[in-house]
Amino acid sequence: MAAGQRIDAHRHDDHQIVYAGSGVVAVTTDAGTWFAPGTRAIWVPAGTVHAHRAHGRLDLHLVGLPADDNPLGLDAPFVLTVGPLLRELILAYTRDPADTGPERRRLLGVLRDQLRASPQQPLHLPTPADPRLAAVCALVHADPADTRTLAALGAATGAGERTLSRLFRSEFGMTFPQWRTQSRLYHALRMLADDVPVTTVAHRCGYSSASAFIDVFRRSFGYTPGTHNRRDRTGGTPARTVQ
């Protein structure tokens, strides 16, 4: 898929694993947006109405599982960690979708085992229901570099800080700083997929320095933003930093 290309809202009778071999994929439902670079995949349960969007040149891989085969036991979209083995299994399994031979069936069996062992990741931007919360989220999304506090954002939208703080926890299950980090990472992945320099991305996402942005990015994805596009060009998973 070309950068910016979309697949409109649709549904499948099967569960689906959505994986970006290169670029970044975003999956959106009425409940929010899930996003994933090549070290993550998105689980979309059967029957879920969803849309796809490509950020950067997207090499999209889709793995379907029957509705009665749910190795994760999940009934809502989730982002999962994709290690080197799971990545290669997805690439190999999707290489020839018409293949129904025993080798491909065995690949799927190992792939399912790896899915069950994959940790879930909080790379999700929920859709706000309360209009006061929606107004604040819209301001942050419109300008990721906005560093105003929750109190200042509330003053700009006519809502109190305590009310907004409660809404972030009750609707999203996270604090405002945690949600803003998710929003900034989403914007950062989109920019990196478009080959925007790391220092520029850090500035546009409201970080005080490139090093601060790099630290947050590495802790979230397991590799630095400077290796993000190198992974796309080489088709491999970047080496993880071990502390």
Foldseek 3Di string as FASTA:
>chain_A
DAAFDKFAWDFAQWKKKKAWLAFKKWKAALFFIFIDGRQKIKIAAHPGTIMMTTQADTPIFMDTDHNVDDLQPDPHMFMWGHDQVLSVLRCVLRVDVVDPDPVSVVSVVVNSVVRNVTDTAPLTQTQADDVLLNQLVVVCLVFLQDPDDLQVSCVVSVHHSVVNQVSCCVSVVDGPVVNSLSSLVVQLSSVLSVVDDQQVSCNRNNHPGSVVVQVSNCVRRQHGSVCRVVCNVVSGDDDGDDD
